[in-house]
Amino acid sequence: MNRTEAREQAFKLLYSIEIQKENEEEIIELYFENNEITDEKTKEYIKDVWIGINEHKDEINNKISSNLKADWKLERLSKIDLSLLKLAIYEMLFKKLPFKVAINEAIELAKKYGEDNSASFINGILASIVKHDLS
């Protein structure tokens, strides 16, 4: 499984956890089993993403919140958009993935799984974060 495919699996897992919000360790193991993810590198990457996002949850959520329009709150975002933003921000800020790669991957996943305006919304939030935090 290549990194793009592993990232898509990590996104799907993050989305599942956003929806269920309980017994996350069990959700992860069931996710691996149900999706027949046996490659150890892929499992390691997905677990790293999940652990890293949890460890930096407040900072990641603050980055998203501070780049939303004034009348928007995190709770208002779709779980898909929120999961994609968390994944991209984690990879840009903490894994030092080039921001162009992280943004492009998030946009492609948004086109595939999000609503009609998800890709442009995610692009706008991530571009704002790059402008204010990574330049």
Protein backbone atom coordinates (compact mmCIF):
# COMPACT_ATOMS: atom_id res chain seq x y z
CA MET A 1 0.00 0.00 0.00
CA ASN A 2 1.47 3.35 -0.99
CA ARG A 3 1.40 6.47 1.20
CA THR A 4 -1.61 8.00 -0.58
CA GLU A 5 -3.62 4.82 0.02
CA ALA A 6 -2.41 4.64 3.64
CA ARG A 7 -3.42 8.29 4.13
CA GLU A 8 -6.89 7.51 2.80
CA GLN A 9 -7.16 4.64 5.28
CA ALA A 10 -5.97 6.92 8.09
CA PHE A 11 -8.64 9.46 7.12
CA LYS A 12 -11.34 6.79 7.13
CA LEU A 13 -10.25 5.66 10.57
CA LEU A 14 -10.20 9.24 11.91
CA TYR A 15 -13.69 9.73 10.52
CA SER A 16 -14.88 6.52 12.20
CA ILE A 17 -13.46 7.69 15.51
CA GLU A 18 -15.07 11.16 15.09
CA ILE A 19 -18.43 9.43 14.66
CA GLN A 20 -18.12 6.82 17.42
CA LYS A 21 -15.89 8.61 19.97
CA GLU A 22 -15.55 5.68 22.33
CA ASN A 23 -13.21 2.74 22.80
CA GLU A 24 -10.81 4.06 20.19
CA GLU A 25 -8.26 1.26 20.59
CA GLU A 26 -10.94 -1.30 19.75
CA ILE A 27 -12.15 0.78 16.79
CA ILE A 28 -8.60 0.80 15.39
CA GLU A 29 -8.12 -2.95 15.68
CA LEU A 30 -11.56 -3.62 14.17
CA TYR A 31 -10.81 -1.15 11.39
CA PHE A 32 -7.59 -2.98 10.51
CA GLU A 33 -9.38 -6.32 10.60
CA ASN A 34 -12.46 -5.24 8.61
CA ASN A 35 -10.37 -3.50 5.95
CA GLU A 36 -7.81 -6.30 5.78
CA ILE A 37 -4.92 -3.99 6.61
CA THR A 38 -2.08 -6.35 7.41
CA ASP A 39 0.95 -4.41 6.19
CA GLU A 40 2.90 -3.36 9.30
CA LYS A 41 4.19 -0.11 7.73
CA THR A 42 0.64 0.94 6.92
CA LYS A 43 -0.58 0.04 10.41
CA GLU A 44 2.34 1.94 11.93
CA TYR A 45 1.60 5.03 9.81
CA ILE A 46 -2.11 4.98 10.67
CA LYS A 47 -1.45 4.51 14.39
CA ASP A 48 1.14 7.31 14.30
CA VAL A 49 -1.42 9.64 12.75
CA TRP A 50 -4.04 8.75 15.34
CA ILE A 51 -1.65 9.07 18.29
CA GLY A 52 -0.11 12.30 16.96
CA ILE A 53 -3.47 13.96 16.38
CA ASN A 54 -4.54 13.00 19.90
CA GLU A 55 -1.31 14.29 21.41
CA HIS A 56 -1.65 17.62 19.59
CA LYS A 57 -5.46 17.79 19.63
CA ASP A 58 -5.74 21.19 21.31
CA GLU A 59 -3.18 22.84 19.04
CA ILE A 60 -4.71 21.32 15.89
CA ASN A 61 -8.23 22.31 16.92
CA ASN A 62 -7.01 25.84 17.72
CA LYS A 63 -5.44 26.12 14.25
CA ILE A 64 -8.73 25.11 12.66
CA SER A 65 -10.85 27.36 14.92
CA SER A 66 -8.67 30.41 14.44
CA ASN A 67 -8.96 30.09 10.67
CA LEU A 68 -12.75 29.71 10.53
CA LYS A 69 -15.07 32.62 9.83
CA ALA A 70 -16.08 34.47 13.00
CA ASP A 71 -19.51 32.86 13.31
CA TRP A 72 -18.29 29.29 12.71
CA LYS A 73 -17.36 26.73 15.37
CA LEU A 74 -15.64 23.35 15.09
CA GLU A 75 -18.91 21.63 15.97
CA ARG A 76 -20.47 23.07 12.82
CA LEU A 77 -17.97 21.38 10.49
CA SER A 78 -18.81 18.10 8.85
CA LYS A 79 -16.97 15.15 10.38
CA ILE A 80 -15.39 14.47 6.99
CA ASP A 81 -14.00 17.99 6.66
CA LEU A 82 -12.85 18.00 10.27
CA SER A 83 -11.06 14.66 9.88
CA LEU A 84 -9.33 15.81 6.69
CA LEU A 85 -8.23 19.09 8.28
CA LYS A 86 -6.83 17.32 11.35
CA LEU A 87 -4.90 14.87 9.18
CA ALA A 88 -3.43 17.55 6.91
CA ILE A 89 -2.53 19.89 9.77
CA TYR A 90 -0.89 17.11 11.72
CA GLU A 91 1.20 16.08 8.73
CA MET A 92 2.21 19.66 7.87
CA LEU A 93 3.04 20.86 11.38
CA PHE A 94 4.28 17.76 13.17
CA LYS A 95 5.47 15.36 10.46
CA LYS A 96 6.93 18.17 8.33
CA LEU A 97 5.25 16.89 5.18
CA PRO A 98 5.56 19.58 2.51
CA PHE A 99 2.42 21.69 2.75
CA LYS A 100 1.71 21.40 -0.98
CA VAL A 101 1.58 17.61 -0.68
CA ALA A 102 -0.59 17.67 2.46
CA ILE A 103 -3.03 20.18 0.94
CA ASN A 104 -3.24 18.33 -2.38
CA GLU A 105 -3.89 15.00 -0.66
CA ALA A 106 -6.58 16.54 1.58
CA ILE A 107 -8.26 18.20 -1.40
CA GLU A 108 -8.32 14.96 -3.39
CA LEU A 109 -9.88 13.11 -0.44
CA ALA A 110 -12.39 15.95 0.01
CA LYS A 111 -13.41 15.64 -3.64
CA LYS A 112 -13.91 11.91 -3.18
CA TYR A 113 -15.67 11.87 0.21
CA GLY A 114 -16.81 15.40 1.03
CA GLU A 115 -19.65 17.63 0.00
CA ASP A 116 -19.59 19.81 -3.11
CA ASN A 117 -17.79 22.69 -1.37
CA SER A 118 -15.50 20.59 0.85
CA ALA A 119 -12.44 20.78 -1.38
CA SER A 120 -12.49 24.58 -1.64
CA PHE A 121 -13.31 24.95 2.07
CA ILE A 122 -10.41 22.71 3.11
CA ASN A 123 -8.08 24.44 0.65
CA GLY A 124 -8.99 27.82 2.14
CA ILE A 125 -8.44 26.75 5.76
CA LEU A 126 -5.15 25.00 5.01
CA ALA A 127 -3.87 27.88 2.84
CA SER A 128 -4.63 30.28 5.68
CA ILE A 129 -2.72 28.08 8.14
CA VAL A 130 0.25 27.93 5.76
CA LYS A 131 0.17 31.70 5.31
CA HIS A 132 0.05 32.45 9.04
CA ASP A 133 1.98 29.55 10.56
CA LEU A 134 4.38 28.14 7.99
CA SER A 135 5.63 31.14 6.07
